[in-house]
Amino acid sequence: MLLGDRVKPMKDLEAPLPLMTTGLEIGNRELQHVERSVQERATLLSATHPSLRFQDVTPQELETLAGSIAVFLARQGSLVFQEATPGRWMALVVVGEVDVLKLDRSGGHRLVTTIGPGEFLGELGFLDGHRQSATAVASTDTLLLVLTRAAFDRLLEETPALVVKLLPDPIRLLVLRLRGIDAIG
């Protein structure tokens, strides 16, 4: 198991709940909401990847952030998001992998990158408010921690210091990813 005893293996996740839960709507019927307590979500956040700067976040701030995210399961082959759809949320991959594909001139999809545990997904459309620049498909069963734009805006309004602590990671990774794409083209 990737995260030790703190996280249930993918095969042990309980049956999916309806997508719409406590006001959460991410607009994708292929992703299955998985109910987790705030404490379990905090554990997932802090254990996801050692390079994330959650060590700068207090336990209370981590709990606040965990209360703003939801856990979703994308089964292998599931569409996570489609190119040109609104970027209303971003996710942190906990377990599994997601292929990022770009539509090419022939109408086919070309693999741009594969996103794995500890990496962000959908941050470009989320941060700039535009449509997704690529399509994302789960290449394995994948567990995602999802932050919607509405939840982020609430965090920004209620706990701006926390948001300032969190933004460097997705922005840094986004810049590195964009530089990699520029090198290809």
N, C-alpha and C. Protein backbone atom coordinates (compact mmCIF):
# COMPACT_ATOMS: atom_id res chain seq x y z
N MET A 1 0.85 -1.18 0.00
CA MET A 1 0.00 0.00 0.00
C MET A 1 0.89 1.23 0.00
N LEU A 2 0.57 2.24 -0.80
CA LEU A 2 1.41 3.41 -0.98
C LEU A 2 1.52 4.29 0.25
N LEU A 3 0.49 4.42 1.03
CA LEU A 3 0.50 5.36 2.14
C LEU A 3 0.42 4.68 3.49
N GLY A 4 0.80 3.44 3.57
CA GLY A 4 0.79 2.74 4.85
C GLY A 4 -0.61 2.46 5.34
N ASP A 5 -0.73 2.23 6.62
CA ASP A 5 -2.01 1.85 7.20
C ASP A 5 -2.99 3.01 7.30
N ARG A 6 -2.56 4.22 7.00
CA ARG A 6 -3.44 5.37 7.15
C ARG A 6 -4.47 5.48 6.03
N VAL A 7 -4.23 4.81 4.92
CA VAL A 7 -5.11 4.93 3.77
C VAL A 7 -5.55 3.54 3.33
N LYS A 8 -6.85 3.38 3.09
CA LYS A 8 -7.35 2.09 2.61
C LYS A 8 -6.89 1.87 1.18
N PRO A 9 -6.53 0.63 0.81
CA PRO A 9 -6.19 0.37 -0.57
C PRO A 9 -7.40 0.61 -1.48
N MET A 10 -7.14 0.85 -2.75
CA MET A 10 -8.21 1.17 -3.70
C MET A 10 -9.30 0.10 -3.68
N LYS A 11 -8.95 -1.17 -3.60
CA LYS A 11 -9.96 -2.23 -3.66
C LYS A 11 -10.87 -2.23 -2.44
N ASP A 12 -10.42 -1.60 -1.35
CA ASP A 12 -11.21 -1.60 -0.12
C ASP A 12 -12.10 -0.36 0.03
N LEU A 13 -12.07 0.55 -0.93
CA LEU A 13 -12.92 1.74 -0.83
C LEU A 13 -14.37 1.32 -0.88
N GLU A 14 -15.18 1.94 -0.04
CA GLU A 14 -16.59 1.55 -0.03
C GLU A 14 -17.28 1.99 -1.32
N ALA A 15 -18.49 1.50 -1.48
CA ALA A 15 -19.26 1.80 -2.69
C ALA A 15 -19.39 3.30 -2.86
N PRO A 16 -19.36 3.79 -4.10
CA PRO A 16 -19.43 5.22 -4.33
C PRO A 16 -20.75 5.81 -3.88
N LEU A 17 -20.68 7.03 -3.41
CA LEU A 17 -21.87 7.78 -3.02
C LEU A 17 -22.30 8.63 -4.20
N PRO A 18 -23.48 9.21 -4.15
CA PRO A 18 -23.87 10.10 -5.24
C PRO A 18 -22.86 11.23 -5.39
N LEU A 19 -22.70 11.73 -6.60
CA LEU A 19 -21.73 12.79 -6.87
C LEU A 19 -22.06 14.05 -6.09
N MET A 20 -23.32 14.39 -5.99
CA MET A 20 -23.72 15.62 -5.30
C MET A 20 -23.82 15.32 -3.81
N THR A 21 -22.89 15.84 -3.04
CA THR A 21 -22.89 15.63 -1.60
C THR A 21 -22.56 16.95 -0.92
N THR A 22 -23.31 17.32 0.06
CA THR A 22 -23.10 18.56 0.81
C THR A 22 -22.76 19.73 -0.10
N GLY A 23 -23.49 19.85 -1.19
CA GLY A 23 -23.31 21.00 -2.07
C GLY A 23 -22.15 20.87 -3.05
N LEU A 24 -21.43 19.75 -3.04
CA LEU A 24 -20.29 19.59 -3.93
C LEU A 24 -20.77 19.12 -5.29
N GLU A 25 -20.43 19.84 -6.31
CA GLU A 25 -20.76 19.45 -7.68
C GLU A 25 -19.56 19.81 -8.53
N ILE A 26 -18.91 18.81 -9.10
CA ILE A 26 -17.75 19.09 -9.94
C ILE A 26 -18.05 18.87 -11.42
N GLY A 27 -19.27 18.48 -11.74
CA GLY A 27 -19.67 18.40 -13.13
C GLY A 27 -19.15 17.19 -13.89
N ASN A 28 -18.80 16.13 -13.21
CA ASN A 28 -18.29 14.96 -13.88
C ASN A 28 -18.92 13.72 -13.27
N ARG A 29 -19.76 13.06 -14.04
CA ARG A 29 -20.46 11.88 -13.55
C ARG A 29 -19.59 10.63 -13.56
N GLU A 30 -18.40 10.68 -14.17
CA GLU A 30 -17.52 9.51 -14.17
C GLU A 30 -16.70 9.40 -12.89
N LEU A 31 -16.57 10.49 -12.16
CA LEU A 31 -15.84 10.46 -10.89
C LEU A 31 -16.81 10.13 -9.77
N GLN A 32 -16.39 9.29 -8.86
CA GLN A 32 -17.26 8.84 -7.78
C GLN A 32 -16.81 9.46 -6.47
N HIS A 33 -17.73 10.15 -5.79
CA HIS A 33 -17.41 10.76 -4.50
C HIS A 33 -17.23 9.66 -3.46
N VAL A 34 -16.18 9.77 -2.66
CA VAL A 34 -15.89 8.81 -1.60
C VAL A 34 -15.94 9.57 -0.29
N GLU A 35 -16.87 9.18 0.57
CA GLU A 35 -17.04 9.88 1.85
C GLU A 35 -15.85 9.59 2.76
N ARG A 36 -15.23 10.63 3.26
CA ARG A 36 -14.13 10.54 4.22
C ARG A 36 -14.31 11.64 5.25
N SER A 37 -13.93 11.37 6.50
CA SER A 37 -14.02 12.39 7.55
C SER A 37 -12.98 13.47 7.30
N VAL A 38 -13.15 14.60 7.95
CA VAL A 38 -12.18 15.69 7.83
C VAL A 38 -10.80 15.19 8.28
N GLN A 39 -10.76 14.42 9.35
CA GLN A 39 -9.47 13.90 9.84
C GLN A 39 -8.82 12.98 8.81
N GLU A 40 -9.61 12.11 8.17
CA GLU A 40 -9.05 11.23 7.13
C GLU A 40 -8.54 12.04 5.95
N ARG A 41 -9.28 13.08 5.56
CA ARG A 41 -8.82 13.94 4.46
C ARG A 41 -7.54 14.67 4.85
N ALA A 42 -7.43 15.12 6.10
CA ALA A 42 -6.21 15.78 6.57
C ALA A 42 -5.03 14.81 6.51
N THR A 43 -5.26 13.55 6.89
CA THR A 43 -4.21 12.54 6.84
C THR A 43 -3.78 12.31 5.39
N LEU A 44 -4.74 12.21 4.48
CA LEU A 44 -4.41 12.04 3.06
C LEU A 44 -3.57 13.21 2.56
N LEU A 45 -3.97 14.43 2.91
CA LEU A 45 -3.22 15.61 2.49
C LEU A 45 -1.78 15.58 2.99
N SER A 46 -1.62 15.32 4.28
CA SER A 46 -0.28 15.40 4.86
C SER A 46 0.61 14.23 4.45
N ALA A 47 0.01 13.10 4.06
CA ALA A 47 0.79 11.92 3.70
C ALA A 47 1.00 11.76 2.20
N THR A 48 0.39 12.61 1.40
CA THR A 48 0.40 12.40 -0.05
C THR A 48 1.79 12.44 -0.65
N HIS A 49 2.58 13.46 -0.32
CA HIS A 49 3.88 13.58 -0.95
C HIS A 49 4.79 14.43 -0.08
N PRO A 50 6.01 13.97 0.18
CA PRO A 50 6.89 14.71 1.08
C PRO A 50 7.33 16.08 0.56
N SER A 51 7.29 16.30 -0.74
CA SER A 51 7.74 17.59 -1.27
C SER A 51 6.72 18.70 -1.07
N LEU A 52 5.47 18.34 -0.78
CA LEU A 52 4.47 19.38 -0.55
C LEU A 52 4.79 20.09 0.75
N ARG A 53 4.49 21.35 0.80
CA ARG A 53 4.89 22.17 1.94
C ARG A 53 3.87 22.17 3.07
N PHE A 54 3.20 21.06 3.30
CA PHE A 54 2.22 21.02 4.38
C PHE A 54 2.89 21.10 5.76
N GLN A 55 4.23 20.93 5.80
CA GLN A 55 4.90 21.08 7.09
C GLN A 55 4.84 22.53 7.57
N ASP A 56 4.61 23.50 6.69
CA ASP A 56 4.47 24.91 7.06
C ASP A 56 3.06 25.24 7.54
N VAL A 57 2.16 24.30 7.42
CA VAL A 57 0.75 24.51 7.76
C VAL A 57 0.50 23.95 9.16
N THR A 58 -0.18 24.74 9.99
CA THR A 58 -0.49 24.28 11.34
C THR A 58 -1.55 23.18 11.28
N PRO A 59 -1.66 22.36 12.33
CA PRO A 59 -2.71 21.33 12.35
C PRO A 59 -4.11 21.93 12.16
N GLN A 60 -4.37 23.08 12.72
CA GLN A 60 -5.68 23.72 12.56
C GLN A 60 -5.90 24.15 11.11
N GLU A 61 -4.86 24.69 10.46
CA GLU A 61 -4.97 25.08 9.06
C GLU A 61 -5.16 23.85 8.17
N LEU A 62 -4.46 22.78 8.48
CA LEU A 62 -4.61 21.54 7.71
C LEU A 62 -6.04 21.03 7.81
N GLU A 63 -6.62 21.11 9.00
CA GLU A 63 -8.01 20.69 9.19
C GLU A 63 -8.97 21.60 8.42
N THR A 64 -8.69 22.90 8.41
CA THR A 64 -9.51 23.84 7.64
C THR A 64 -9.47 23.49 6.15
N LEU A 65 -8.27 23.23 5.64
CA LEU A 65 -8.12 22.85 4.24
C LEU A 65 -8.83 21.53 3.97
N ALA A 66 -8.65 20.55 4.85
CA ALA A 66 -9.29 19.24 4.67
C ALA A 66 -10.80 19.37 4.65
N GLY A 67 -11.34 20.31 5.40
CA GLY A 67 -12.79 20.54 5.40
C GLY A 67 -13.29 21.14 4.10
N SER A 68 -12.37 21.65 3.28
CA SER A 68 -12.75 22.30 2.02
C SER A 68 -12.56 21.41 0.80
N ILE A 69 -11.98 20.24 1.00
CA ILE A 69 -11.74 19.34 -0.14
C ILE A 69 -12.65 18.13 -0.05
N ALA A 70 -12.74 17.42 -1.16
CA ALA A 70 -13.51 16.18 -1.22
C ALA A 70 -12.64 15.11 -1.86
N VAL A 71 -12.97 13.87 -1.58
CA VAL A 71 -12.23 12.73 -2.12
C VAL A 71 -13.07 12.12 -3.24
N PHE A 72 -12.43 11.90 -4.38
CA PHE A 72 -13.10 11.28 -5.52
C PHE A 72 -12.27 10.13 -6.04
N LEU A 73 -12.95 9.14 -6.57
CA LEU A 73 -12.33 7.98 -7.19
C LEU A 73 -12.59 8.03 -8.68
N ALA A 74 -11.53 7.92 -9.45
CA ALA A 74 -11.64 7.79 -10.91
C ALA A 74 -11.17 6.39 -11.26
N ARG A 75 -12.07 5.57 -11.74
CA ARG A 75 -11.71 4.20 -12.15
C ARG A 75 -10.86 4.26 -13.42
N GLN A 76 -10.04 3.25 -13.61
CA GLN A 76 -9.20 3.17 -14.79
C GLN A 76 -10.04 3.40 -16.04
N GLY A 77 -9.58 4.29 -16.92
CA GLY A 77 -10.28 4.60 -18.16
C GLY A 77 -11.31 5.71 -18.04
N SER A 78 -11.58 6.17 -16.81
CA SER A 78 -12.58 7.23 -16.62
C SER A 78 -12.04 8.57 -17.10
N LEU A 79 -12.92 9.34 -17.70
CA LEU A 79 -12.59 10.71 -18.09
C LEU A 79 -12.58 11.56 -16.82
N VAL A 80 -11.47 12.20 -16.54
CA VAL A 80 -11.37 13.07 -15.37
C VAL A 80 -11.86 14.46 -15.75
N PHE A 81 -11.35 14.99 -16.86
CA PHE A 81 -11.93 16.19 -17.46
C PHE A 81 -11.58 16.24 -18.94
N GLN A 82 -12.39 16.96 -19.68
CA GLN A 82 -12.28 17.06 -21.14
C GLN A 82 -11.67 18.40 -21.52
N GLU A 83 -10.80 18.38 -22.50
CA GLU A 83 -10.24 19.62 -23.05
C GLU A 83 -11.38 20.57 -23.42
N ALA A 84 -11.20 21.84 -23.15
CA ALA A 84 -12.14 22.93 -23.47
C ALA A 84 -13.34 23.02 -22.54
N THR A 85 -13.38 22.19 -21.48
CA THR A 85 -14.45 22.34 -20.48
C THR A 85 -13.97 23.32 -19.41
N PRO A 86 -14.90 23.98 -18.72
CA PRO A 86 -14.50 24.97 -17.71
C PRO A 86 -13.65 24.34 -16.60
N GLY A 87 -12.62 25.07 -16.19
CA GLY A 87 -11.73 24.61 -15.11
C GLY A 87 -12.25 25.07 -13.76
N ARG A 88 -13.20 24.35 -13.21
CA ARG A 88 -13.85 24.76 -11.96
C ARG A 88 -13.25 24.11 -10.72
N TRP A 89 -12.28 23.22 -10.90
CA TRP A 89 -11.67 22.55 -9.76
C TRP A 89 -10.28 22.06 -10.14
N MET A 90 -9.47 21.82 -9.11
CA MET A 90 -8.18 21.17 -9.31
C MET A 90 -8.09 20.02 -8.32
N ALA A 91 -7.17 19.12 -8.58
CA ALA A 91 -7.06 17.93 -7.73
C ALA A 91 -5.61 17.61 -7.45
N LEU A 92 -5.42 16.95 -6.35
CA LEU A 92 -4.13 16.39 -5.97
C LEU A 92 -4.29 14.87 -6.07
N VAL A 93 -3.41 14.23 -6.83
CA VAL A 93 -3.47 12.77 -6.97
C VAL A 93 -2.89 12.15 -5.70
N VAL A 94 -3.67 11.27 -5.07
CA VAL A 94 -3.23 10.58 -3.85
C VAL A 94 -2.64 9.23 -4.22
N VAL A 95 -3.38 8.45 -4.98
CA VAL A 95 -2.98 7.12 -5.42
C VAL A 95 -3.39 6.99 -6.87
N GLY A 96 -2.54 6.37 -7.69
CA GLY A 96 -2.90 6.13 -9.08
C GLY A 96 -2.23 7.11 -10.02
N GLU A 97 -2.66 7.06 -11.28
CA GLU A 97 -2.09 7.91 -12.32
C GLU A 97 -3.16 8.38 -13.28
N VAL A 98 -2.93 9.58 -13.81
CA VAL A 98 -3.84 10.19 -14.78
C VAL A 98 -3.02 10.62 -15.99
N ASP A 99 -3.44 10.18 -17.18
CA ASP A 99 -2.80 10.62 -18.42
C ASP A 99 -3.40 11.94 -18.87
N VAL A 100 -2.53 12.87 -19.24
CA VAL A 100 -2.96 14.16 -19.78
C VAL A 100 -2.73 14.09 -21.28
N LEU A 101 -3.80 14.30 -22.04
CA LEU A 101 -3.79 14.14 -23.49
C LEU A 101 -4.17 15.44 -24.17
N LYS A 102 -3.53 15.71 -25.30
CA LYS A 102 -3.83 16.92 -26.06
C LYS A 102 -4.31 16.50 -27.45
N LEU A 103 -5.39 17.14 -27.88
CA LEU A 103 -5.92 16.88 -29.22
C LEU A 103 -4.91 17.37 -30.25
N ASP A 104 -4.56 16.50 -31.21
CA ASP A 104 -3.62 16.93 -32.25
C ASP A 104 -4.37 17.29 -33.53
N ARG A 105 -3.64 17.71 -34.53
CA ARG A 105 -4.25 18.18 -35.78
C ARG A 105 -5.02 17.10 -36.53
N SER A 106 -4.65 15.84 -36.31
CA SER A 106 -5.34 14.76 -37.01
C SER A 106 -6.62 14.34 -36.30
N GLY A 107 -6.90 14.96 -35.15
CA GLY A 107 -8.11 14.63 -34.40
C GLY A 107 -7.89 13.56 -33.34
N GLY A 108 -6.67 13.04 -33.26
CA GLY A 108 -6.34 12.06 -32.23
C GLY A 108 -5.80 12.74 -30.98
N HIS A 109 -5.57 11.95 -29.96
CA HIS A 109 -5.01 12.48 -28.73
C HIS A 109 -3.56 12.05 -28.58
N ARG A 110 -2.72 12.99 -28.17
CA ARG A 110 -1.31 12.73 -27.95
C ARG A 110 -1.03 12.84 -26.45
N LEU A 111 -0.31 11.87 -25.90
CA LEU A 111 0.04 11.89 -24.48
C LEU A 111 1.03 13.02 -24.22
N VAL A 112 0.66 13.93 -23.31
CA VAL A 112 1.54 15.03 -22.93
C VAL A 112 2.36 14.64 -21.72
N THR A 113 1.70 14.08 -20.71
CA THR A 113 2.37 13.67 -19.49
C THR A 113 1.46 12.73 -18.70
N THR A 114 2.03 12.10 -17.71
CA THR A 114 1.26 11.29 -16.77
C THR A 114 1.46 11.89 -15.39
N ILE A 115 0.35 12.15 -14.71
CA ILE A 115 0.35 12.76 -13.38
C ILE A 115 0.20 11.64 -12.36
N GLY A 116 1.06 11.66 -11.34
CA GLY A 116 1.01 10.62 -10.32
C GLY A 116 0.84 11.17 -8.92
N PRO A 117 0.98 10.32 -7.92
CA PRO A 117 0.78 10.73 -6.52
C PRO A 117 1.62 11.96 -6.15
N GLY A 118 0.95 12.89 -5.46
CA GLY A 118 1.61 14.12 -5.02
C GLY A 118 1.63 15.22 -6.06
N GLU A 119 1.05 14.97 -7.23
CA GLU A 119 1.04 15.98 -8.29
C GLU A 119 -0.37 16.55 -8.46
N PHE A 120 -0.40 17.80 -8.89
CA PHE A 120 -1.67 18.49 -9.11
C PHE A 120 -2.16 18.27 -10.53
N LEU A 121 -3.47 18.36 -10.68
CA LEU A 121 -4.14 18.14 -11.95
C LEU A 121 -5.24 19.19 -12.10
N GLY A 122 -5.32 19.82 -13.27
CA GLY A 122 -6.38 20.79 -13.51
C GLY A 122 -6.09 22.17 -12.97
N GLU A 123 -4.86 22.40 -12.53
CA GLU A 123 -4.53 23.67 -11.90
C GLU A 123 -4.50 24.84 -12.87
N LEU A 124 -4.20 24.61 -14.13
CA LEU A 124 -4.13 25.70 -15.09
C LEU A 124 -5.50 26.35 -15.27
N GLY A 125 -6.51 25.55 -15.62
CA GLY A 125 -7.87 26.09 -15.77
C GLY A 125 -8.42 26.64 -14.47
N PHE A 126 -8.06 26.00 -13.37
CA PHE A 126 -8.51 26.43 -12.04
C PHE A 126 -7.95 27.81 -11.71
N LEU A 127 -6.65 28.00 -11.94
CA LEU A 127 -6.01 29.26 -11.54
C LEU A 127 -6.33 30.42 -12.46
N ASP A 128 -6.45 30.16 -13.77
CA ASP A 128 -6.69 31.29 -14.67
C ASP A 128 -8.17 31.46 -15.04
N GLY A 129 -9.03 30.54 -14.60
CA GLY A 129 -10.46 30.68 -14.85
C GLY A 129 -10.88 30.35 -16.26
N HIS A 130 -9.97 29.85 -17.06
CA HIS A 130 -10.30 29.50 -18.44
C HIS A 130 -10.63 28.01 -18.55
N ARG A 131 -10.83 27.58 -19.76
CA ARG A 131 -11.17 26.18 -20.00
C ARG A 131 -9.93 25.30 -19.89
N GLN A 132 -10.17 24.01 -19.68
CA GLN A 132 -9.07 23.05 -19.57
C GLN A 132 -8.30 23.01 -20.89
N SER A 133 -6.99 22.99 -20.79
CA SER A 133 -6.16 23.02 -21.99
C SER A 133 -5.86 21.62 -22.53
N ALA A 134 -6.30 20.60 -21.82
CA ALA A 134 -6.05 19.22 -22.24
C ALA A 134 -7.15 18.32 -21.67
N THR A 135 -7.12 17.07 -22.08
CA THR A 135 -8.03 16.05 -21.56
C THR A 135 -7.26 15.19 -20.57
N ALA A 136 -7.92 14.77 -19.50
CA ALA A 136 -7.28 13.91 -18.50
C ALA A 136 -8.10 12.64 -18.35
N VAL A 137 -7.42 11.49 -18.40
CA VAL A 137 -8.06 10.18 -18.29
C VAL A 137 -7.28 9.36 -17.26
N ALA A 138 -8.00 8.72 -16.34
CA ALA A 138 -7.35 7.88 -15.33
C ALA A 138 -6.73 6.66 -16.02
N SER A 139 -5.42 6.51 -15.90
CA SER A 139 -4.76 5.35 -16.51
C SER A 139 -4.74 4.16 -15.55
N THR A 140 -5.03 4.42 -14.27
CA THR A 140 -5.22 3.38 -13.26
C THR A 140 -6.36 3.86 -12.37
N ASP A 141 -6.85 3.00 -11.48
CA ASP A 141 -7.78 3.49 -10.47
C ASP A 141 -7.05 4.58 -9.69
N THR A 142 -7.67 5.73 -9.55
CA THR A 142 -6.99 6.90 -9.01
C THR A 142 -7.84 7.58 -7.95
N LEU A 143 -7.21 7.90 -6.83
CA LEU A 143 -7.87 8.63 -5.76
C LEU A 143 -7.41 10.09 -5.83
N LEU A 144 -8.39 11.00 -5.87
CA LEU A 144 -8.11 12.43 -6.03
C LEU A 144 -8.65 13.22 -4.85
N LEU A 145 -7.90 14.22 -4.41
CA LEU A 145 -8.40 15.21 -3.46
C LEU A 145 -8.76 16.43 -4.27
N VAL A 146 -10.03 16.80 -4.27
CA VAL A 146 -10.55 17.85 -5.16
C VAL A 146 -10.87 19.11 -4.38
N LEU A 147 -10.38 20.24 -4.90
CA LEU A 147 -10.70 21.56 -4.37
C LEU A 147 -11.43 22.32 -5.46
N THR A 148 -12.68 22.67 -5.20
CA THR A 148 -13.45 23.43 -6.19
C THR A 148 -13.08 24.90 -6.11
N ARG A 149 -13.40 25.63 -7.16
CA ARG A 149 -13.13 27.07 -7.18
C ARG A 149 -13.93 27.77 -6.08
N ALA A 150 -15.17 27.35 -5.87
CA ALA A 150 -16.01 27.97 -4.83
C ALA A 150 -15.40 27.75 -3.45
N ALA A 151 -14.91 26.54 -3.17
CA ALA A 151 -14.28 26.25 -1.88
C ALA A 151 -12.99 27.05 -1.73
N PHE A 152 -12.23 27.17 -2.81
CA PHE A 152 -11.00 27.96 -2.78
C PHE A 152 -11.31 29.43 -2.48
N ASP A 153 -12.34 29.96 -3.14
CA ASP A 153 -12.72 31.36 -2.90
C ASP A 153 -13.12 31.58 -1.45
N ARG A 154 -13.83 30.60 -0.86
CA ARG A 154 -14.18 30.70 0.57
C ARG A 154 -12.93 30.69 1.44
N LEU A 155 -11.99 29.80 1.12
CA LEU A 155 -10.72 29.76 1.86
C LEU A 155 -9.98 31.09 1.75
N LEU A 156 -9.97 31.63 0.54
CA LEU A 156 -9.28 32.90 0.31
C LEU A 156 -9.89 34.02 1.13
N GLU A 157 -11.21 34.02 1.23
CA GLU A 157 -11.90 35.05 1.99
C GLU A 157 -11.73 34.86 3.50
N GLU A 158 -11.83 33.60 3.95
CA GLU A 158 -11.83 33.33 5.39
C GLU A 158 -10.44 33.12 5.98
N THR A 159 -9.52 32.55 5.20
CA THR A 159 -8.17 32.25 5.71
C THR A 159 -7.11 32.58 4.65
N PRO A 160 -6.94 33.85 4.30
CA PRO A 160 -6.00 34.21 3.25
C PRO A 160 -4.56 33.77 3.54
N ALA A 161 -4.16 33.76 4.80
CA ALA A 161 -2.80 33.34 5.14
C ALA A 161 -2.56 31.88 4.76
N LEU A 162 -3.57 31.05 4.92
CA LEU A 162 -3.46 29.64 4.53
C LEU A 162 -3.29 29.52 3.02
N VAL A 163 -4.07 30.25 2.27
CA VAL A 163 -3.99 30.20 0.80
C VAL A 163 -2.60 30.63 0.34
N VAL A 164 -2.04 31.65 0.96
CA VAL A 164 -0.70 32.11 0.60
C VAL A 164 0.33 31.00 0.84
N LYS A 165 0.15 30.22 1.89
CA LYS A 165 1.07 29.10 2.16
C LYS A 165 0.93 27.99 1.13
N LEU A 166 -0.27 27.81 0.59
CA LEU A 166 -0.54 26.67 -0.29
C LEU A 166 -0.24 26.93 -1.76
N LEU A 167 -0.37 28.16 -2.21
CA LEU A 167 -0.26 28.44 -3.64
C LEU A 167 1.11 28.16 -4.26
N PRO A 168 2.21 28.33 -3.56
CA PRO A 168 3.49 28.10 -4.24
C PRO A 168 3.63 26.73 -4.88
N ASP A 169 3.13 25.67 -4.27
CA ASP A 169 3.30 24.33 -4.85
C ASP A 169 2.60 24.17 -6.20
N PRO A 170 1.29 24.43 -6.31
CA PRO A 170 0.68 24.26 -7.64
C PRO A 170 1.23 25.24 -8.67
N ILE A 171 1.59 26.44 -8.24
CA ILE A 171 2.14 27.41 -9.20
C ILE A 171 3.52 26.96 -9.66
N ARG A 172 4.37 26.51 -8.73
CA ARG A 172 5.71 26.03 -9.09
C ARG A 172 5.60 24.85 -10.05
N LEU A 173 4.74 23.89 -9.73
CA LEU A 173 4.57 22.72 -10.59
C LEU A 173 4.00 23.10 -11.95
N LEU A 174 3.09 24.06 -11.97
CA LEU A 174 2.52 24.53 -13.23
C LEU A 174 3.59 25.15 -14.11
N VAL A 175 4.44 25.99 -13.54
CA VAL A 175 5.51 26.62 -14.30
C VAL A 175 6.44 25.56 -14.88
N LEU A 176 6.82 24.59 -14.07
CA LEU A 176 7.70 23.51 -14.56
C LEU A 176 7.03 22.73 -15.69
N ARG A 177 5.74 22.47 -15.54
CA ARG A 177 5.00 21.73 -16.56
C ARG A 177 4.94 22.53 -17.86
N LEU A 178 4.65 23.83 -17.75
CA LEU A 178 4.58 24.68 -18.94
C LEU A 178 5.94 24.78 -19.63
N ARG A 179 7.00 24.86 -18.86
CA ARG A 179 8.34 24.88 -19.46
C ARG A 179 8.61 23.59 -20.21
N GLY A 180 8.16 22.47 -19.66
CA GLY A 180 8.33 21.18 -20.33
C GLY A 180 7.56 21.11 -21.64
N ILE A 181 6.35 21.66 -21.65
CA ILE A 181 5.54 21.68 -22.87
C ILE A 181 6.19 22.57 -23.92
N ASP A 182 6.74 23.73 -23.49
CA ASP A 182 7.43 24.62 -24.42
C ASP A 182 8.64 23.94 -25.04
N ALA A 183 9.33 23.11 -24.27
CA ALA A 183 10.50 22.42 -24.79
C ALA A 183 10.12 21.40 -25.86
N ILE A 184 8.91 20.83 -25.76
CA ILE A 184 8.44 19.87 -26.76
C ILE A 184 8.16 20.56 -28.09
N GLY A 185 7.48 21.73 -28.00
CA GLY A 185 7.05 22.45 -29.19
C GLY A 185 8.14 23.26 -29.72
